[in-house]
Amino acid sequence: MRPIAIVLFVVALSIAALTAVLMNRMLSAERAPTVAVQQPSGPPTEEILVAAVDIKPGVVVKAEDLRLAPWPASAIDPRYVRRIAGQDAKAAYIGTIARRLLLAGEPLTPQAVFRQDEAGVLAGMLSPGMRAVSISVTPTSDVAGWVLPQDHVDIVLNQDVGATTGRNGSQPLRGDMVRFASEVILSDVRVLAVDDKLAKADASANMAGKTVTLEVMPADAEKLLAASKLGELTLALRSLALETPQPPDPPGYTADVKASRALRAAIGEASGLPASISHFRDVRVNRGGSTSTQSFAN
């Protein structure tokens, strides 16, 4: 082989070797793991104490009922129980009693629980400034047993006005006479207990109780007890859905003459007015600052 051919052969081998090295480096670079791009961190958080499970009202809180959970620092209410380094956040709340239903994941506050040595169970469940009053109920007045603890109800008084005022059935009917009437005496009242049951899970739906304990203002406690002597008290169950705010209704009641067209006709005839033209108008009466609405025949 000539010398020049040998030189060309060596150069060709060198180029081939260099090409192989470069290709190997390129393939290695493609197989190298991709380095994750560090994402910006989220808002700062702190750990707070929350309910680990649903805790029913009147139930003693156990260690496994509570847990620490991260919470956005900007959204922490001052009442929430924060984790403090070197301290057991749960310790102060184990053995307390829930005042109301605590849902799993709900932040715990000192106001949501109480200790049994501070108050009785029912007294501890009462909101500040409120009173507990019990009334007797029947399947009819208790919405067939569908009223359960922690529901909200209206209290309706049904009374025989004629018997209370001495205007009984032996007297002739007049246009201004009201025999029977129903009126809402308290609205949006919280039910604390049905018989001795403090939670919905403990009270069976459609099983009518004999006693319902209600949470009311002190003045409403007097009103409720006085009304229980006037006639029958009936519970009207309110929806759990949020209601559209409505302007307050003027104080009033629904009289028997409003409920029955036949009675309106009878009163019209007894008043010397043809039943076809007799009608009633509502008049607001103010008695010493207490207003009411009454129906009078024209």
Protein backbone atom coordinates (compact mmCIF):
# COMPACT_ATOMS: atom_id res chain seq x y z
CA MET A 1 0.00 0.00 0.00
CA ARG A 2 1.26 3.39 -0.91
CA PRO A 3 2.06 5.88 1.90
CA ILE A 4 -0.54 8.37 0.76
CA ALA A 5 -3.23 5.73 0.86
CA ILE A 6 -2.20 4.80 4.40
CA VAL A 7 -2.51 8.44 5.48
CA LEU A 8 -5.98 8.76 3.99
CA PHE A 9 -7.05 5.54 5.67
CA VAL A 10 -5.88 6.78 9.09
CA VAL A 11 -7.66 10.13 8.61
CA ALA A 12 -10.89 8.35 7.69
CA LEU A 13 -10.70 6.16 10.80
CA SER A 14 -10.11 9.24 12.99
CA ILE A 15 -13.15 11.03 11.51
CA ALA A 16 -15.32 7.95 12.08
CA ALA A 17 -14.16 7.64 15.69
CA LEU A 18 -14.81 11.33 16.35
CA THR A 19 -18.27 11.07 14.83
CA ALA A 20 -19.10 8.07 17.04
CA VAL A 21 -17.99 9.94 20.17
CA LEU A 22 -20.11 12.99 19.30
CA MET A 23 -23.19 10.86 18.54
CA ASN A 24 -22.80 8.99 21.84
CA ARG A 25 -22.69 12.28 23.76
CA MET A 26 -25.81 13.54 21.98
CA LEU A 27 -27.75 10.36 22.79
CA SER A 28 -26.63 10.49 26.44
CA ALA A 29 -27.82 14.07 26.72
CA GLU A 30 -31.28 13.09 25.40
CA ARG A 31 -31.51 10.23 27.93
CA ALA A 32 -30.56 12.44 30.88
CA PRO A 33 -33.47 13.05 33.33
CA THR A 34 -35.25 16.34 32.93
CA VAL A 35 -34.70 18.66 35.87
CA ALA A 36 -38.06 19.78 37.29
CA VAL A 37 -38.64 23.49 37.19
CA GLN A 38 -39.31 24.70 40.69
CA GLN A 39 -42.78 26.19 40.94
CA PRO A 40 -43.39 29.21 43.10
CA SER A 41 -44.67 28.22 46.57
CA GLY A 42 -48.31 28.85 47.56
CA PRO A 43 -49.56 31.20 50.25
CA PRO A 44 -48.16 30.60 53.74
CA THR A 45 -50.12 28.21 55.95
CA GLU A 46 -50.40 27.36 59.63
CA GLU A 47 -51.74 24.26 61.32
CA ILE A 48 -54.99 24.58 63.22
CA LEU A 49 -57.18 22.12 65.14
CA VAL A 50 -60.17 20.74 63.22
CA ALA A 51 -62.77 18.02 63.71
CA ALA A 52 -61.52 14.73 62.29
CA VAL A 53 -65.06 13.29 62.17
CA ASP A 54 -68.60 14.59 62.59
CA ILE A 55 -69.07 15.35 66.31
CA LYS A 56 -72.69 15.37 67.47
CA PRO A 57 -73.94 17.91 70.03
CA GLY A 58 -73.71 16.69 73.61
CA VAL A 59 -70.97 14.15 72.75
CA VAL A 60 -67.68 13.98 74.69
CA VAL A 61 -64.75 14.85 72.40
CA LYS A 62 -62.02 12.19 72.18
CA ALA A 63 -58.43 12.47 70.93
CA GLU A 64 -59.26 10.68 67.66
CA ASP A 65 -62.07 13.17 67.00
CA LEU A 66 -59.53 15.98 66.44
CA ARG A 67 -56.59 16.51 64.10
CA LEU A 68 -54.22 19.25 62.94
CA ALA A 69 -54.74 20.56 59.42
CA PRO A 70 -52.93 23.19 57.32
CA TRP A 71 -54.91 26.40 56.86
CA PRO A 72 -54.11 29.55 54.86
CA ALA A 73 -52.58 31.97 57.35
CA SER A 74 -54.53 34.89 55.90
CA ALA A 75 -57.86 33.07 56.49
CA ILE A 76 -57.30 32.03 60.11
CA ASP A 77 -59.95 33.43 62.45
CA PRO A 78 -58.61 34.60 65.82
CA ARG A 79 -60.93 32.08 67.49
CA TYR A 80 -59.29 29.10 65.76
CA VAL A 81 -56.94 26.91 67.81
CA ARG A 82 -53.43 27.27 66.33
CA ARG A 83 -50.61 24.73 66.71
CA ILE A 84 -47.88 26.13 68.95
CA ALA A 85 -44.45 24.52 68.87
CA GLY A 86 -43.81 22.36 71.91
CA GLN A 87 -47.50 22.23 72.93
CA ASP A 88 -50.21 19.64 72.33
CA ALA A 89 -53.09 21.55 70.73
CA LYS A 90 -55.52 18.69 71.39
CA ALA A 91 -54.86 18.32 75.11
CA ALA A 92 -57.05 21.21 76.25
CA TYR A 93 -60.07 19.95 74.28
CA ILE A 94 -60.06 16.22 74.94
CA GLY A 95 -62.96 15.47 77.30
CA THR A 96 -64.95 18.58 76.42
CA ILE A 97 -68.55 18.36 75.15
CA ALA A 98 -69.75 19.70 71.80
CA ARG A 99 -72.33 22.47 72.07
CA ARG A 100 -73.53 21.85 68.49
CA LEU A 101 -72.86 19.63 65.50
CA LEU A 102 -69.24 19.92 64.33
CA LEU A 103 -68.64 18.70 60.79
CA ALA A 104 -65.49 16.82 59.78
CA GLY A 105 -62.83 19.34 58.72
CA GLU A 106 -64.51 22.23 60.54
CA PRO A 107 -62.10 24.42 62.57
CA LEU A 108 -62.53 24.07 66.32
CA THR A 109 -63.15 27.11 68.50
CA PRO A 110 -63.30 27.29 72.32
CA GLN A 111 -66.91 28.50 72.01
CA ALA A 112 -67.97 25.29 70.22
CA VAL A 113 -67.32 23.09 73.29
CA PHE A 114 -67.67 23.21 77.06
CA ARG A 115 -66.57 21.19 80.06
CA GLN A 116 -69.07 19.19 82.07
CA ASP A 117 -67.80 20.63 85.35
CA GLU A 118 -68.68 24.09 84.03
CA ALA A 119 -72.33 23.34 83.16
CA GLY A 120 -74.85 20.61 82.55
CA VAL A 121 -75.06 19.21 79.05
CA LEU A 122 -78.18 21.13 78.03
CA ALA A 123 -77.05 24.33 79.76
CA GLY A 124 -73.74 24.06 77.92
CA MET A 125 -75.52 23.75 74.57
CA LEU A 126 -77.53 26.94 75.07
CA SER A 127 -76.40 30.03 73.21
CA PRO A 128 -75.37 32.93 75.48
CA GLY A 129 -78.36 34.80 76.86
CA MET A 130 -80.89 32.16 75.79
CA ARG A 131 -83.23 29.95 77.81
CA ALA A 132 -84.46 26.38 77.40
CA VAL A 133 -88.21 25.77 77.67
CA SER A 134 -90.02 22.45 77.15
CA ILE A 135 -93.55 22.07 75.82
CA SER A 136 -95.74 19.02 75.39
CA VAL A 137 -96.46 17.91 71.83
CA THR A 138 -98.61 15.36 70.07
CA PRO A 139 -98.08 13.64 66.70
CA THR A 140 -100.30 16.32 65.16
CA SER A 141 -98.59 19.30 66.77
CA ASP A 142 -95.09 17.80 66.18
CA VAL A 143 -95.42 17.45 62.36
CA ALA A 144 -95.96 13.70 62.77
CA GLY A 145 -92.57 13.30 64.46
CA TRP A 146 -90.52 14.92 61.70
CA VAL A 147 -89.24 17.69 64.00
CA LEU A 148 -85.76 16.65 65.20
CA PRO A 149 -83.06 18.19 67.41
CA GLN A 150 -81.28 21.19 65.82
CA ASP A 151 -84.22 21.87 63.46
CA HIS A 152 -85.82 25.33 63.46
CA VAL A 153 -89.56 25.83 63.84
CA ASP A 154 -92.28 28.45 64.15
CA ILE A 155 -94.63 28.20 67.14
CA VAL A 156 -98.31 28.57 66.25
CA LEU A 157 -100.98 29.19 68.93
CA ASN A 158 -104.44 27.80 68.15
CA GLN A 159 -107.08 29.05 70.55
CA ASP A 160 -110.83 29.21 71.07
CA VAL A 161 -111.19 32.97 71.37
CA GLY A 162 -114.92 32.68 71.92
CA ALA A 163 -114.45 30.49 75.00
CA THR A 164 -111.66 32.72 76.35
CA THR A 165 -113.67 35.93 76.02
CA GLY A 166 -117.01 34.41 77.05
CA ARG A 167 -118.51 34.72 73.56
CA ASN A 168 -119.72 31.16 73.23
CA GLY A 169 -121.89 29.49 70.67
CA SER A 170 -125.16 30.36 72.46
CA GLN A 171 -124.75 33.99 71.46
CA PRO A 172 -125.96 35.15 68.05
CA LEU A 173 -123.29 35.51 65.39
CA ARG A 174 -122.14 39.04 64.68
CA GLY A 175 -119.91 40.40 61.96
CA ASP A 176 -117.17 41.32 64.42
CA MET A 177 -117.18 37.98 66.23
CA VAL A 178 -114.13 35.70 66.11
CA ARG A 179 -114.53 32.25 67.62
CA PHE A 180 -111.28 30.47 66.69
CA ALA A 181 -107.92 31.93 65.67
CA SER A 182 -104.36 30.84 64.89
CA GLU A 183 -101.26 33.01 65.11
CA VAL A 184 -97.49 32.60 64.96
CA ILE A 185 -96.20 33.70 68.36
CA LEU A 186 -92.50 32.83 67.84
CA SER A 187 -90.50 32.44 64.63
CA ASP A 188 -87.29 30.59 63.75
CA VAL A 189 -86.89 28.83 67.10
CA ARG A 190 -84.09 26.27 67.51
CA VAL A 191 -85.08 22.82 68.76
CA LEU A 192 -82.59 21.70 71.42
CA ALA A 193 -84.00 18.27 72.17
CA VAL A 194 -86.88 15.91 71.47
CA ASP A 195 -87.66 14.00 74.66
CA ASP A 196 -84.11 13.17 75.90
CA LYS A 197 -82.46 13.12 72.44
CA LEU A 198 -79.97 15.93 71.71
CA ALA A 199 -78.90 15.00 68.16
CA LYS A 200 -80.67 14.13 64.91
CA ALA A 201 -78.84 10.80 64.72
CA ASP A 202 -80.20 9.80 68.14
CA ALA A 203 -83.82 10.73 67.36
CA SER A 204 -85.69 8.59 64.86
CA ALA A 205 -87.54 10.52 62.18
CA ASN A 206 -91.30 9.96 62.04
CA MET A 207 -91.26 8.84 65.69
CA ALA A 208 -93.29 11.48 67.49
CA GLY A 209 -91.95 12.63 70.84
CA LYS A 210 -93.93 13.79 73.83
CA THR A 211 -91.80 16.79 74.79
CA VAL A 212 -89.83 19.29 72.73
CA THR A 213 -87.23 21.58 74.33
CA LEU A 214 -86.78 24.93 72.60
CA GLU A 215 -84.11 27.66 72.78
CA VAL A 216 -85.75 31.07 73.26
CA MET A 217 -85.08 34.55 74.59
CA PRO A 218 -86.05 35.15 78.24
CA ALA A 219 -89.10 37.27 77.30
CA ASP A 220 -90.15 34.65 74.75
CA ALA A 221 -90.00 31.98 77.46
CA GLU A 222 -92.70 33.87 79.36
CA LYS A 223 -94.72 34.35 76.18
CA LEU A 224 -94.47 30.66 75.32
CA LEU A 225 -95.59 29.48 78.76
CA ALA A 226 -98.51 31.92 78.87
CA ALA A 227 -99.59 30.88 75.37
CA SER A 228 -99.59 27.22 76.41
CA LYS A 229 -102.44 28.06 78.82
CA LEU A 230 -104.50 29.78 76.13
CA GLY A 231 -104.73 26.95 73.65
CA GLU A 232 -102.83 24.32 71.67
CA LEU A 233 -99.27 24.99 70.50
CA THR A 234 -98.28 23.56 67.13
CA LEU A 235 -94.81 23.38 65.60
CA ALA A 236 -94.38 24.50 61.98
CA LEU A 237 -91.12 23.05 60.59
CA ARG A 238 -88.89 25.49 58.71
CA SER A 239 -86.75 24.65 55.68
CA LEU A 240 -82.99 24.17 56.07
CA ALA A 241 -82.44 26.08 52.83
CA LEU A 242 -81.52 29.73 53.15
CA GLU A 243 -84.61 31.84 52.72
CA THR A 244 -84.80 35.11 50.80
CA PRO A 245 -85.08 37.93 53.35
CA GLN A 246 -88.65 39.16 53.53
CA PRO A 247 -90.00 42.32 55.15
CA PRO A 248 -91.48 41.53 58.56
CA ASP A 249 -95.18 40.80 58.50
CA PRO A 250 -97.39 43.13 60.55
CA PRO A 251 -98.57 41.55 63.79
CA GLY A 252 -101.76 39.66 63.17
CA TYR A 253 -103.54 36.34 63.18
CA THR A 254 -105.74 34.15 61.03
CA ALA A 255 -109.30 34.06 62.32
CA ASP A 256 -111.94 31.47 61.62
CA VAL A 257 -113.80 33.98 59.44
CA LYS A 258 -110.75 34.21 57.18
CA ALA A 259 -110.40 30.44 56.93
CA SER A 260 -114.04 29.59 56.15
CA ARG A 261 -116.16 31.12 53.40
CA ALA A 262 -119.20 29.36 54.88
CA LEU A 263 -118.67 31.10 58.22
CA ARG A 264 -118.30 34.46 56.50
CA ALA A 265 -121.57 33.84 54.72
CA ALA A 266 -123.29 32.79 57.97
CA ILE A 267 -122.07 35.87 59.80
CA GLY A 268 -123.19 38.05 56.92
CA GLU A 269 -126.68 36.60 57.09
CA ALA A 270 -126.80 36.89 60.92
CA SER A 271 -125.76 40.52 60.60
CA GLY A 272 -128.70 41.27 58.33
CA LEU A 273 -126.50 41.50 55.24
CA PRO A 274 -126.99 39.30 52.18
CA ALA A 275 -124.28 36.69 52.05
CA SER A 276 -123.53 37.71 48.46
CA ILE A 277 -122.54 41.27 49.42
CA SER A 278 -121.17 40.84 52.94
CA HIS A 279 -117.40 41.08 53.18
CA PHE A 280 -114.73 41.82 55.74
CA ARG A 281 -112.02 44.40 56.11
CA ASP A 282 -108.89 44.20 58.27
CA VAL A 283 -108.31 46.91 60.85
CA ARG A 284 -105.07 47.36 62.80
CA VAL A 285 -105.76 48.01 66.48
CA ASN A 286 -103.19 49.61 68.80
CA ARG A 287 -103.67 48.77 72.47
CA GLY A 288 -101.03 50.46 74.58
CA GLY A 289 -98.34 50.03 71.95
CA SER A 290 -99.28 46.43 71.13
CA THR A 291 -100.78 46.19 67.65
CA SER A 292 -103.00 43.50 66.22
CA THR A 293 -105.14 42.99 63.14
CA GLN A 294 -108.85 42.22 63.40
CA SER A 295 -111.49 41.53 60.77
CA PHE A 296 -114.78 43.42 60.75
CA ALA A 297 -117.76 42.91 58.49
CA ASN A 298 -118.90 45.82 56.33
